[in-house]
PDB file of N, CA and C in Angstrom:
ATOM      1  N   MET A   1     -14.473  -6.217 -22.265  1.00  0.00           N
ATOM      2  CA  MET A   1     -13.578  -6.138 -21.108  1.00  0.00           C
ATOM      3  C   MET A   1     -14.043  -4.909 -20.273  1.00  0.00           C
ATOM      4  N   GLU A   2     -14.121  -5.137 -18.993  1.00  0.00           N
ATOM      5  CA  GLU A   2     -14.568  -4.114 -18.064  1.00  0.00           C
ATOM      6  C   GLU A   2     -13.454  -3.076 -17.831  1.00  0.00           C
ATOM      7  N   GLN A   3     -13.770  -1.868 -17.854  1.00  0.00           N
ATOM      8  CA  GLN A   3     -12.821  -0.720 -17.672  1.00  0.00           C
ATOM      9  C   GLN A   3     -12.631  -0.456 -16.213  1.00  0.00           C
ATOM     10  N   ASP A   4     -11.402  -0.252 -15.737  1.00  0.00           N
ATOM     11  CA  ASP A   4     -11.119   0.094 -14.349  1.00  0.00           C
ATOM     12  C   ASP A   4     -11.550   1.548 -14.133  1.00  0.00           C
ATOM     13  N   ALA A   5     -12.311   1.844 -13.095  1.00  0.00           N
ATOM     14  CA  ALA A   5     -12.819   3.163 -12.806  1.00  0.00           C
ATOM     15  C   ALA A   5     -11.780   4.056 -12.135  1.00  0.00           C
ATOM     16  N   ARG A   6     -10.656   3.558 -11.787  1.00  0.00           N
ATOM     17  CA  ARG A   6      -9.615   4.382 -11.142  1.00  0.00           C
ATOM     18  C   ARG A   6      -9.136   5.432 -12.091  1.00  0.00           C
ATOM     19  N   LEU A   7      -8.781   6.584 -11.551  1.00  0.00           N
ATOM     20  CA  LEU A   7      -8.288   7.685 -12.346  1.00  0.00           C
ATOM     21  C   LEU A   7      -6.711   7.643 -12.535  1.00  0.00           C
ATOM     22  N   VAL A   8      -6.022   6.890 -11.669  1.00  0.00           N
ATOM     23  CA  VAL A   8      -4.546   6.804 -11.782  1.00  0.00           C
ATOM     24  C   VAL A   8      -4.178   5.365 -11.948  1.00  0.00           C
ATOM     25  N   PRO A   9      -3.046   5.122 -12.640  1.00  0.00           N
ATOM     26  CA  PRO A   9      -2.625   3.732 -12.849  1.00  0.00           C
ATOM     27  C   PRO A   9      -2.315   3.006 -11.568  1.00  0.00           C
ATOM     28  N   ARG A  10      -2.583   1.772 -11.492  1.00  0.00           N
ATOM     29  CA  ARG A  10      -2.319   0.934 -10.358  1.00  0.00           C
ATOM     30  C   ARG A  10      -1.571  -0.338 -10.894  1.00  0.00           C
ATOM     31  N   ILE A  11      -0.512  -0.748 -10.184  1.00  0.00           N
ATOM     32  CA  ILE A  11       0.262  -1.916 -10.596  1.00  0.00           C
ATOM     33  C   ILE A  11       0.140  -2.977  -9.570  1.00  0.00           C
ATOM     34  N   ASN A  12       0.216  -4.247  -9.990  1.00  0.00           N
ATOM     35  CA  ASN A  12       0.241  -5.389  -9.067  1.00  0.00           C
ATOM     36  C   ASN A  12       1.719  -5.546  -8.609  1.00  0.00           C
ATOM     37  N   VAL A  13       1.881  -5.770  -7.329  1.00  0.00           N
ATOM     38  CA  VAL A  13       3.153  -5.962  -6.682  1.00  0.00           C
ATOM     39  C   VAL A  13       3.041  -7.054  -5.629  1.00  0.00           C
ATOM     40  N   ALA A  14       4.131  -7.415  -5.057  1.00  0.00           N
ATOM     41  CA  ALA A  14       4.190  -8.350  -3.958  1.00  0.00           C
ATOM     42  C   ALA A  14       5.248  -7.853  -2.934  1.00  0.00           C
ATOM     43  N   TRP A  15       4.971  -6.706  -2.372  1.00  0.00           N
ATOM     44  CA  TRP A  15       5.868  -6.092  -1.410  1.00  0.00           C
ATOM     45  C   TRP A  15       5.462  -6.406   0.028  1.00  0.00           C
ATOM     46  N   ARG A  16       6.428  -6.466   0.919  1.00  0.00           N
ATOM     47  CA  ARG A  16       6.110  -6.582   2.356  1.00  0.00           C
ATOM     48  C   ARG A  16       5.540  -5.260   2.853  1.00  0.00           C
ATOM     49  N   ALA A  17       4.645  -5.355   3.827  1.00  0.00           N
ATOM     50  CA  ALA A  17       4.056  -4.161   4.442  1.00  0.00           C
ATOM     51  C   ALA A  17       3.871  -4.393   5.909  1.00  0.00           C
ATOM     52  N   ARG A  18       3.859  -3.330   6.642  1.00  0.00           N
ATOM     53  CA  ARG A  18       3.583  -3.387   8.091  1.00  0.00           C
ATOM     54  C   ARG A  18       2.598  -2.277   8.432  1.00  0.00           C
ATOM     55  N   VAL A  19       1.580  -2.615   9.232  1.00  0.00           N
ATOM     56  CA  VAL A  19       0.751  -1.612   9.791  1.00  0.00           C
ATOM     57  C   VAL A  19       1.252  -1.340  11.167  1.00  0.00           C
ATOM     58  N   LEU A  20       1.684  -0.072  11.477  1.00  0.00           N
ATOM     59  CA  LEU A  20       2.327   0.205  12.769  1.00  0.00           C
ATOM     60  C   LEU A  20       1.210   0.440  13.773  1.00  0.00           C
ATOM     61  N   ILE A  21       1.334  -0.139  14.945  1.00  0.00           N
ATOM     62  CA  ILE A  21       0.410  -0.036  16.023  1.00  0.00           C
ATOM     63  C   ILE A  21       1.058   0.764  17.119  1.00  0.00           C
ATOM     64  N   GLU A  22       0.256   1.456  17.945  1.00  0.00           N
ATOM     65  CA  GLU A  22       0.827   2.250  19.041  1.00  0.00           C
ATOM     66  C   GLU A  22       1.874   1.514  19.815  1.00  0.00           C
ATOM     67  N   GLY A  23       2.839   2.223  20.280  1.00  0.00           N
ATOM     68  CA  GLY A  23       4.018   1.615  20.896  1.00  0.00           C
ATOM     69  C   GLY A  23       4.923   1.019  19.892  1.00  0.00           C
ATOM     70  N   ASP A  24       5.420  -0.177  20.142  1.00  0.00           N
ATOM     71  CA  ASP A  24       6.377  -0.815  19.234  1.00  0.00           C
ATOM     72  C   ASP A  24       5.761  -1.928  18.397  1.00  0.00           C
ATOM     73  N   GLY A  25       4.447  -2.054  18.450  1.00  0.00           N
ATOM     74  CA  GLY A  25       3.801  -3.170  17.737  1.00  0.00           C
ATOM     75  C   GLY A  25       3.543  -2.884  16.286  1.00  0.00           C
ATOM     76  N   PHE A  26       3.307  -3.974  15.535  1.00  0.00           N
ATOM     77  CA  PHE A  26       2.985  -3.879  14.104  1.00  0.00           C
ATOM     78  C   PHE A  26       2.295  -5.172  13.667  1.00  0.00           C
ATOM     79  N   LEU A  27       1.631  -5.081  12.598  1.00  0.00           N
ATOM     80  CA  LEU A  27       0.983  -6.224  11.927  1.00  0.00           C
ATOM     81  C   LEU A  27       1.685  -6.434  10.559  1.00  0.00           C
ATOM     82  N   GLU A  28       2.104  -7.635  10.239  1.00  0.00           N
ATOM     83  CA  GLU A  28       2.744  -7.959   8.995  1.00  0.00           C
ATOM     84  C   GLU A  28       1.654  -8.124   7.902  1.00  0.00           C
ATOM     85  N   GLY A  29       2.012  -7.759   6.662  1.00  0.00           N
ATOM     86  CA  GLY A  29       1.072  -7.946   5.593  1.00  0.00           C
ATOM     87  C   GLY A  29       1.808  -7.925   4.254  1.00  0.00           C
ATOM     88  N   ARG A  30       1.076  -7.821   3.176  1.00  0.00           N
ATOM     89  CA  ARG A  30       1.638  -7.731   1.806  1.00  0.00           C
ATOM     90  C   ARG A  30       0.867  -6.668   1.057  1.00  0.00           C
ATOM     91  N   VAL A  31       1.589  -5.994   0.166  1.00  0.00           N
ATOM     92  CA  VAL A  31       0.974  -5.063  -0.724  1.00  0.00           C
ATOM     93  C   VAL A  31       0.611  -5.887  -2.022  1.00  0.00           C
ATOM     94  N   LEU A  32      -0.656  -5.840  -2.329  1.00  0.00           N
ATOM     95  CA  LEU A  32      -1.092  -6.540  -3.556  1.00  0.00           C
ATOM     96  C   LEU A  32      -1.033  -5.651  -4.778  1.00  0.00           C
ATOM     97  N   ASN A  33      -1.393  -4.409  -4.648  1.00  0.00           N
ATOM     98  CA  ASN A  33      -1.315  -3.452  -5.785  1.00  0.00           C
ATOM     99  C   ASN A  33      -1.136  -2.045  -5.174  1.00  0.00           C
ATOM    100  N   VAL A  34      -0.615  -1.151  -5.997  1.00  0.00           N
ATOM    101  CA  VAL A  34      -0.245   0.223  -5.530  1.00  0.00           C
ATOM    102  C   VAL A  34      -0.370   1.210  -6.651  1.00  0.00           C
ATOM    103  N   SER A  35      -0.746   2.393  -6.227  1.00  0.00           N
ATOM    104  CA  SER A  35      -0.707   3.572  -7.110  1.00  0.00           C
ATOM    105  C   SER A  35      -0.115   4.724  -6.298  1.00  0.00           C
ATOM    106  N   VAL A  36       0.014   5.902  -6.889  1.00  0.00           N
ATOM    107  CA  VAL A  36       0.523   7.055  -6.123  1.00  0.00           C
ATOM    108  C   VAL A  36      -0.529   7.578  -5.156  1.00  0.00           C
ATOM    109  N   GLN A  37      -1.767   7.074  -5.276  1.00  0.00           N
ATOM    110  CA  GLN A  37      -2.856   7.555  -4.383  1.00  0.00           C
ATOM    111  C   GLN A  37      -3.252   6.516  -3.319  1.00  0.00           C
ATOM    112  N   GLY A  38      -2.821   5.261  -3.468  1.00  0.00           N
ATOM    113  CA  GLY A  38      -3.276   4.301  -2.449  1.00  0.00           C
ATOM    114  C   GLY A  38      -2.756   2.881  -2.798  1.00  0.00           C
ATOM    115  N   ALA A  39      -3.192   1.975  -1.985  1.00  0.00           N
ATOM    116  CA  ALA A  39      -2.701   0.580  -2.159  1.00  0.00           C
ATOM    117  C   ALA A  39      -3.801  -0.381  -1.640  1.00  0.00           C
ATOM    118  N   CYS A  40      -3.659  -1.672  -1.990  1.00  0.00           N
ATOM    119  CA  CYS A  40      -4.462  -2.697  -1.469  1.00  0.00           C
ATOM    120  C   CYS A  40      -3.510  -3.629  -0.689  1.00  0.00           C
ATOM    121  N   LEU A  41      -3.825  -3.818   0.620  1.00  0.00           N
ATOM    122  CA  LEU A  41      -2.972  -4.616   1.471  1.00  0.00           C
ATOM    123  C   LEU A  41      -3.705  -5.925   1.819  1.00  0.00           C
ATOM    124  N   ARG A  42      -2.945  -6.991   1.945  1.00  0.00           N
ATOM    125  CA  ARG A  42      -3.419  -8.259   2.402  1.00  0.00           C
ATOM    126  C   ARG A  42      -2.991  -8.421   3.820  1.00  0.00           C
ATOM    127  N   LEU A  43      -3.984  -8.441   4.770  1.00  0.00           N
ATOM    128  CA  LEU A  43      -3.691  -8.484   6.166  1.00  0.00           C
ATOM    129  C   LEU A  43      -4.483  -9.600   6.854  1.00  0.00           C
ATOM    130  N   ASP A  44      -4.037  -9.998   8.053  1.00  0.00           N
ATOM    131  CA  ASP A  44      -4.802 -10.964   8.865  1.00  0.00           C
ATOM    132  C   ASP A  44      -5.650 -10.326   9.878  1.00  0.00           C
ATOM    133  N   HIS A  45      -5.852  -9.000   9.743  1.00  0.00           N
ATOM    134  CA  HIS A  45      -6.651  -8.181  10.658  1.00  0.00           C
ATOM    135  C   HIS A  45      -7.467  -7.201   9.856  1.00  0.00           C
ATOM    136  N   ALA A  46      -8.690  -7.018  10.306  1.00  0.00           N
ATOM    137  CA  ALA A  46      -9.626  -6.019   9.647  1.00  0.00           C
ATOM    138  C   ALA A  46      -9.551  -4.695  10.383  1.00  0.00           C
ATOM    139  N   PHE A  47      -9.718  -3.633   9.586  1.00  0.00           N
ATOM    140  CA  PHE A  47      -9.838  -2.253  10.142  1.00  0.00           C
ATOM    141  C   PHE A  47     -11.106  -1.644   9.593  1.00  0.00           C
ATOM    142  N   PRO A  48     -11.839  -0.950  10.418  1.00  0.00           N
ATOM    143  CA  PRO A  48     -13.100  -0.319   9.926  1.00  0.00           C
ATOM    144  C   PRO A  48     -12.758   0.766   8.883  1.00  0.00           C
ATOM    145  N   ILE A  49     -13.693   0.902   7.883  1.00  0.00           N
ATOM    146  CA  ILE A  49     -13.538   1.942   6.868  1.00  0.00           C
ATOM    147  C   ILE A  49     -13.402   3.323   7.588  1.00  0.00           C
ATOM    148  N   GLY A  50     -12.480   4.177   7.120  1.00  0.00           N
ATOM    149  CA  GLY A  50     -12.251   5.452   7.719  1.00  0.00           C
ATOM    150  C   GLY A  50     -11.135   5.462   8.751  1.00  0.00           C
ATOM    151  N   THR A  51     -10.659   4.280   9.187  1.00  0.00           N
ATOM    152  CA  THR A  51      -9.534   4.209  10.132  1.00  0.00           C
ATOM    153  C   THR A  51      -8.266   4.805   9.576  1.00  0.00           C
ATOM    154  N   ARG A  52      -7.600   5.657  10.337  1.00  0.00           N
ATOM    155  CA  ARG A  52      -6.311   6.141   9.936  1.00  0.00           C
ATOM    156  C   ARG A  52      -5.192   5.181  10.331  1.00  0.00           C
ATOM    157  N   LEU A  53      -4.310   4.889   9.463  1.00  0.00           N
ATOM    158  CA  LEU A  53      -3.235   3.923   9.642  1.00  0.00           C
ATOM    159  C   LEU A  53      -1.890   4.511   9.357  1.00  0.00           C
ATOM    160  N   THR A  54      -0.906   4.082  10.001  1.00  0.00           N
ATOM    161  CA  THR A  54       0.538   4.363   9.612  1.00  0.00           C
ATOM    162  C   THR A  54       1.003   3.034   9.021  1.00  0.00           C
ATOM    163  N   ILE A  55       1.418   3.105   7.740  1.00  0.00           N
ATOM    164  CA  ILE A  55       1.848   1.892   7.095  1.00  0.00           C
ATOM    165  C   ILE A  55       3.326   2.093   6.684  1.00  0.00           C
ATOM    166  N   ALA A  56       4.105   0.940   6.736  1.00  0.00           N
ATOM    167  CA  ALA A  56       5.488   0.969   6.248  1.00  0.00           C
ATOM    168  C   ALA A  56       5.550  -0.062   5.095  1.00  0.00           C
ATOM    169  N   LEU A  57       6.004   0.388   3.944  1.00  0.00           N
ATOM    170  CA  LEU A  57       6.105  -0.479   2.777  1.00  0.00           C
ATOM    171  C   LEU A  57       7.541  -0.735   2.505  1.00  0.00           C
ATOM    172  N   ALA A  58       7.950  -1.994   2.121  1.00  0.00           N
ATOM    173  CA  ALA A  58       9.297  -2.307   1.691  1.00  0.00           C
ATOM    174  C   ALA A  58       9.297  -2.216   0.165  1.00  0.00           C
ATOM    175  N   VAL A  59       9.688  -1.049  -0.365  1.00  0.00           N
ATOM    176  CA  VAL A  59       9.636  -0.844  -1.771  1.00  0.00           C
ATOM    177  C   VAL A  59      11.003  -1.183  -2.427  1.00  0.00           C
ATOM    178  N   PRO A  60      11.001  -2.126  -3.383  1.00  0.00           N
ATOM    179  CA  PRO A  60      12.284  -2.451  -4.038  1.00  0.00           C
ATOM    180  C   PRO A  60      12.805  -1.227  -4.815  1.00  0.00           C
ATOM    181  N   ASN A  61      14.114  -1.134  -4.862  1.00  0.00           N
ATOM    182  CA  ASN A  61      14.737  -0.134  -5.738  1.00  0.00           C
ATOM    183  C   ASN A  61      14.533  -0.510  -7.171  1.00  0.00           C
ATOM    184  N   PRO A  62      13.974   0.353  -8.021  1.00  0.00           N
ATOM    185  CA  PRO A  62      13.760  -0.060  -9.404  1.00  0.00           C
ATOM    186  C   PRO A  62      15.071  -0.357 -10.165  1.00  0.00           C
ATOM    187  N   ASP A  63      16.157   0.174  -9.752  1.00  0.00           N
ATOM    188  CA  ASP A  63      17.467  -0.084 -10.420  1.00  0.00           C
ATOM    189  C   ASP A  63      18.146  -1.313  -9.928  1.00  0.00           C
ATOM    190  N   ASP A  64      17.878  -1.700  -8.672  1.00  0.00           N
ATOM    191  CA  ASP A  64      18.486  -2.919  -8.070  1.00  0.00           C
ATOM    192  C   ASP A  64      17.461  -3.531  -7.158  1.00  0.00           C
ATOM    193  N   ARG A  65      16.695  -4.482  -7.683  1.00  0.00           N
ATOM    194  CA  ARG A  65      15.581  -5.066  -6.929  1.00  0.00           C
ATOM    195  C   ARG A  65      15.982  -5.844  -5.806  1.00  0.00           C
ATOM    196  N   THR A  66      17.301  -6.143  -5.552  1.00  0.00           N
ATOM    197  CA  THR A  66      17.697  -6.834  -4.363  1.00  0.00           C
ATOM    198  C   THR A  66      17.727  -5.957  -3.205  1.00  0.00           C
ATOM    199  N   LYS A  67      17.579  -4.680  -3.378  1.00  0.00           N
ATOM    200  CA  LYS A  67      17.601  -3.677  -2.240  1.00  0.00           C
ATOM    201  C   LYS A  67      16.205  -3.124  -2.143  1.00  0.00           C
ATOM    202  N   THR A  68      15.807  -2.878  -0.870  1.00  0.00           N
ATOM    203  CA  THR A  68      14.471  -2.259  -0.623  1.00  0.00           C
ATOM    204  C   THR A  68      14.686  -1.016   0.226  1.00  0.00           C
ATOM    205  N   GLN A  69      13.713  -0.128   0.124  1.00  0.00           N
ATOM    206  CA  GLN A  69      13.692   1.104   0.890  1.00  0.00           C
ATOM    207  C   GLN A  69      12.370   1.141   1.683  1.00  0.00           C
ATOM    208  N   GLY A  70      12.484   1.479   2.939  1.00  0.00           N
ATOM    209  CA  GLY A  70      11.268   1.579   3.742  1.00  0.00           C
ATOM    210  C   GLY A  70      10.572   2.980   3.488  1.00  0.00           C
ATOM    211  N   VAL A  71       9.304   2.815   3.130  1.00  0.00           N
ATOM    212  CA  VAL A  71       8.505   4.046   2.897  1.00  0.00           C
ATOM    213  C   VAL A  71       7.329   4.051   3.944  1.00  0.00           C
ATOM    214  N   VAL A  72       7.330   5.052   4.737  1.00  0.00           N
ATOM    215  CA  VAL A  72       6.269   5.136   5.777  1.00  0.00           C
ATOM    216  C   VAL A  72       5.265   6.238   5.385  1.00  0.00           C
ATOM    217  N   LEU A  73       4.005   5.902   5.401  1.00  0.00           N
ATOM    218  CA  LEU A  73       2.938   6.717   4.917  1.00  0.00           C
ATOM    219  C   LEU A  73       1.769   6.707   5.879  1.00  0.00           C
ATOM    220  N   GLN A  74       1.074   7.832   5.943  1.00  0.00           N
ATOM    221  CA  GLN A  74      -0.205   7.877   6.642  1.00  0.00           C
ATOM    222  C   GLN A  74      -1.283   7.531   5.584  1.00  0.00           C
ATOM    223  N   ALA A  75      -2.257   6.695   5.987  1.00  0.00           N
ATOM    224  CA  ALA A  75      -3.293   6.297   5.043  1.00  0.00           C
ATOM    225  C   ALA A  75      -4.637   6.167   5.827  1.00  0.00           C
ATOM    226  N   LYS A  76      -5.696   6.040   4.999  1.00  0.00           N
ATOM    227  CA  LYS A  76      -7.040   5.946   5.538  1.00  0.00           C
ATOM    228  C   LYS A  76      -7.680   4.752   4.853  1.00  0.00           C
ATOM    229  N   VAL A  77      -8.373   3.894   5.635  1.00  0.00           N
ATOM    230  CA  VAL A  77      -9.030   2.696   5.043  1.00  0.00           C
ATOM    231  C   VAL A  77     -10.174   3.116   4.196  1.00  0.00           C
ATOM    232  N   ALA A  78     -10.168   2.716   2.930  1.00  0.00           N
ATOM    233  CA  ALA A  78     -11.223   3.075   1.973  1.00  0.00           C
ATOM    234  C   ALA A  78     -12.175   1.854   1.731  1.00  0.00           C
ATOM    235  N   PHE A  79     -11.672   0.634   1.801  1.00  0.00           N
ATOM    236  CA  PHE A  79     -12.591  -0.523   1.676  1.00  0.00           C
ATOM    237  C   PHE A  79     -11.976  -1.716   2.377  1.00  0.00           C
ATOM    238  N   LEU A  80     -12.846  -2.689   2.580  1.00  0.00           N
ATOM    239  CA  LEU A  80     -12.424  -3.918   3.284  1.00  0.00           C
ATOM    240  C   LEU A  80     -13.172  -5.100   2.681  1.00  0.00           C
ATOM    241  N   VAL A  81     -12.427  -6.118   2.232  1.00  0.00           N
ATOM    242  CA  VAL A  81     -13.013  -7.337   1.668  1.00  0.00           C
ATOM    243  C   VAL A  81     -12.497  -8.515   2.471  1.00  0.00           C
ATOM    244  N   ALA A  82     -13.421  -9.229   3.085  1.00  0.00           N
ATOM    245  CA  ALA A  82     -13.066 -10.435   3.929  1.00  0.00           C
ATOM    246  C   ALA A  82     -13.194 -11.698   3.156  1.00  0.00           C
ATOM    247  N   SER A  83     -12.173 -12.564   3.331  1.00  0.00           N
ATOM    248  CA  SER A  83     -12.210 -13.918   2.729  1.00  0.00           C
ATOM    249  C   SER A  83     -11.617 -14.877   3.748  1.00  0.00           C
ATOM    250  N   GLU A  84     -12.493 -15.597   4.457  1.00  0.00           N
ATOM    251  CA  GLU A  84     -12.129 -16.411   5.539  1.00  0.00           C
ATOM    252  C   GLU A  84     -11.381 -15.594   6.573  1.00  0.00           C
ATOM    253  N   CYS A  85     -10.144 -15.883   6.914  1.00  0.00           N
ATOM    254  CA  CYS A  85      -9.422 -15.108   7.943  1.00  0.00           C
ATOM    255  C   CYS A  85      -8.419 -14.133   7.338  1.00  0.00           C
ATOM    256  N   VAL A  86      -8.545 -13.819   6.021  1.00  0.00           N
ATOM    257  CA  VAL A  86      -7.675 -12.924   5.365  1.00  0.00           C
ATOM    258  C   VAL A  86      -8.520 -11.719   4.886  1.00  0.00           C
ATOM    259  N   PHE A  87      -7.885 -10.566   4.925  1.00  0.00           N
ATOM    260  CA  PHE A  87      -8.638  -9.339   4.565  1.00  0.00           C
ATOM    261  C   PHE A  87      -7.826  -8.595   3.498  1.00  0.00           C
ATOM    262  N   LYS A  88      -8.514  -8.042   2.529  1.00  0.00           N
ATOM    263  CA  LYS A  88      -7.973  -7.132   1.574  1.00  0.00           C
ATOM    264  C   LYS A  88      -8.383  -5.747   2.085  1.00  0.00           C
ATOM    265  N   VAL A  89      -7.465  -4.944   2.415  1.00  0.00           N
ATOM    266  CA  VAL A  89      -7.692  -3.653   2.969  1.00  0.00           C
ATOM    267  C   VAL A  89      -7.214  -2.581   1.975  1.00  0.00           C
ATOM    268  N   GLY A  90      -8.181  -1.852   1.403  1.00  0.00           N
ATOM    269  CA  GLY A  90      -7.772  -0.780   0.472  1.00  0.00           C
ATOM    270  C   GLY A  90      -7.559   0.501   1.272  1.00  0.00           C
ATOM    271  N   VAL A  91      -6.465   1.150   0.987  1.00  0.00           N
ATOM    272  CA  VAL A  91      -6.114   2.387   1.709  1.00  0.00           C
ATOM    273  C   VAL A  91      -5.860   3.506   0.664  1.00  0.00           C
ATOM    274  N   THR A  92      -6.183   4.742   1.084  1.00  0.00           N
ATOM    275  CA  THR A  92      -5.898   5.950   0.346  1.00  0.00           C
ATOM    276  C   THR A  92      -4.788   6.650   1.099  1.00  0.00           C
ATOM    277  N   PHE A  93      -3.742   7.027   0.399  1.00  0.00           N
ATOM    278  CA  PHE A  93      -2.653   7.749   1.072  1.00  0.00           C
ATOM    279  C   PHE A  93      -3.145   9.139   1.423  1.00  0.00           C
ATOM    280  N   LEU A  94      -2.767   9.601   2.609  1.00  0.00           N
ATOM    281  CA  LEU A  94      -3.167  10.935   3.005  1.00  0.00           C
ATOM    282  C   LEU A  94      -2.133  11.975   2.699  1.00  0.00           C
ATOM    283  N   GLU A  95      -1.084  11.568   2.042  1.00  0.00           N
ATOM    284  CA  GLU A  95      -0.015  12.547   1.568  1.00  0.00           C
ATOM    285  C   GLU A  95      -0.116  12.581   0.059  1.00  0.00           C
ATOM    286  N   SER A  96       0.294  13.690  -0.466  1.00  0.00           N
ATOM    287  CA  SER A  96       0.448  13.790  -1.926  1.00  0.00           C
ATOM    288  C   SER A  96       1.753  14.421  -2.288  1.00  0.00           C
ATOM    289  N   GLY A  97       2.437  13.842  -3.229  1.00  0.00           N
ATOM    290  CA  GLY A  97       3.750  14.303  -3.606  1.00  0.00           C
ATOM    291  C   GLY A  97       4.712  14.023  -2.461  1.00  0.00           C
ATOM    292  N   GLY A  98       5.817  14.746  -2.398  1.00  0.00           N
ATOM    293  CA  GLY A  98       6.780  14.560  -1.319  1.00  0.00           C
ATOM    294  C   GLY A  98       7.645  13.387  -1.493  1.00  0.00           C
ATOM    295  N   PRO A  99       8.690  13.274  -0.758  1.00  0.00           N
ATOM    296  CA  PRO A  99       9.712  12.244  -0.917  1.00  0.00           C
ATOM    297  C   PRO A  99       9.174  10.822  -0.630  1.00  0.00           C
ATOM    298  N   ASN A 100       8.195  10.652   0.239  1.00  0.00           N
ATOM    299  CA  ASN A 100       7.702   9.343   0.556  1.00  0.00           C
ATOM    300  C   ASN A 100       7.012   8.666  -0.604  1.00  0.00           C
ATOM    301  N   LEU A 101       6.482   9.407  -1.558  1.00  0.00           N
ATOM    302  CA  LEU A 101       5.788   8.862  -2.667  1.00  0.00           C
ATOM    303  C   LEU A 101       6.633   8.777  -3.957  1.00  0.00           C
ATOM    304  N   LYS A 102       7.786   9.430  -3.950  1.00  0.00           N
ATOM    305  CA  LYS A 102       8.616   9.429  -5.168  1.00  0.00           C
ATOM    306  C   LYS A 102       9.010   8.053  -5.667  1.00  0.00           C
ATOM    307  N   LEU A 103       9.334   7.154  -4.767  1.00  0.00           N
ATOM    308  CA  LEU A 103       9.767   5.831  -5.169  1.00  0.00           C
ATOM    309  C   LEU A 103       8.595   5.018  -5.694  1.00  0.00           C
ATOM    310  N   ILE A 104       7.419   5.165  -5.101  1.00  0.00           N
ATOM    311  CA  ILE A 104       6.204   4.528  -5.599  1.00  0.00           C
ATOM    312  C   ILE A 104       5.816   5.109  -6.956  1.00  0.00           C
ATOM    313  N   GLU A 105       5.922   6.349  -7.081  1.00  0.00           N
ATOM    314  CA  GLU A 105       5.625   7.002  -8.371  1.00  0.00           C
ATOM    315  C   GLU A 105       6.539   6.487  -9.502  1.00  0.00           C
ATOM    316  N   ARG A 106       7.777   6.360  -9.140  1.00  0.00           N
ATOM    317  CA  ARG A 106       8.759   5.756 -10.118  1.00  0.00           C
ATOM    318  C   ARG A 106       8.385   4.403 -10.576  1.00  0.00           C
ATOM    319  N   TRP A 107       7.955   3.531  -9.630  1.00  0.00           N
ATOM    320  CA  TRP A 107       7.526   2.194  -9.996  1.00  0.00           C
ATOM    321  C   TRP A 107       6.333   2.216 -10.897  1.00  0.00           C
ATOM    322  N   VAL A 108       5.350   3.054 -10.576  1.00  0.00           N
ATOM    323  CA  VAL A 108       4.100   3.083 -11.378  1.00  0.00           C
ATOM    324  C   VAL A 108       4.424   3.622 -12.778  1.00  0.00           C
ATOM    325  N   GLN A 109       5.202   4.615 -12.886  1.00  0.00           N
ATOM    326  CA  GLN A 109       5.526   5.211 -14.183  1.00  0.00           C
ATOM    327  C   GLN A 109       6.318   4.223 -15.079  1.00  0.00           C
ATOM    328  N   ASN A 110       7.170   3.459 -14.507  1.00  0.00           N
ATOM    329  CA  ASN A 110       7.994   2.529 -15.231  1.00  0.00           C
ATOM    330  C   ASN A 110       7.218   1.323 -15.737  1.00  0.00           C
ATOM    331  N   ARG A 111       6.043   1.035 -15.169  1.00  0.00           N
ATOM    332  CA  ARG A 111       5.211  -0.070 -15.530  1.00  0.00           C
ATOM    333  C   ARG A 111       4.259   0.234 -16.663  1.00  0.00           C
ATOM    334  N   PHE A 112       4.103   1.520 -16.979  1.00  0.00           N
ATOM    335  CA  PHE A 112       3.094   1.944 -17.988  1.00  0.00           C
ATOM    336  C   PHE A 112       3.729   2.634 -19.126  1.00  0.00           C
TER     337      PHE A 112
END
């Protein structure tokens, strides 16, 4: 079995995501997996590696999964995989610690 080279645990999820665009615009997407350092998003739009993004994630409350909390983070595109008209966009969070990552950290810790 191949070992994952990541240094931090990453969990598979199916959360809603939005990439915020200047003004009032946004692109809808999904979070495929997440860690406290980054995420993989499924989007219908590609972004060049190194692009800074503002992303909003709908993170379920671990105690009551019928409720979600919006988490807005600054991120940088780390990789891009194209498959037909769908893109897997890997992002690294540009924040560490702080309240925006506490909910994600809780999810990751509870899964391992």
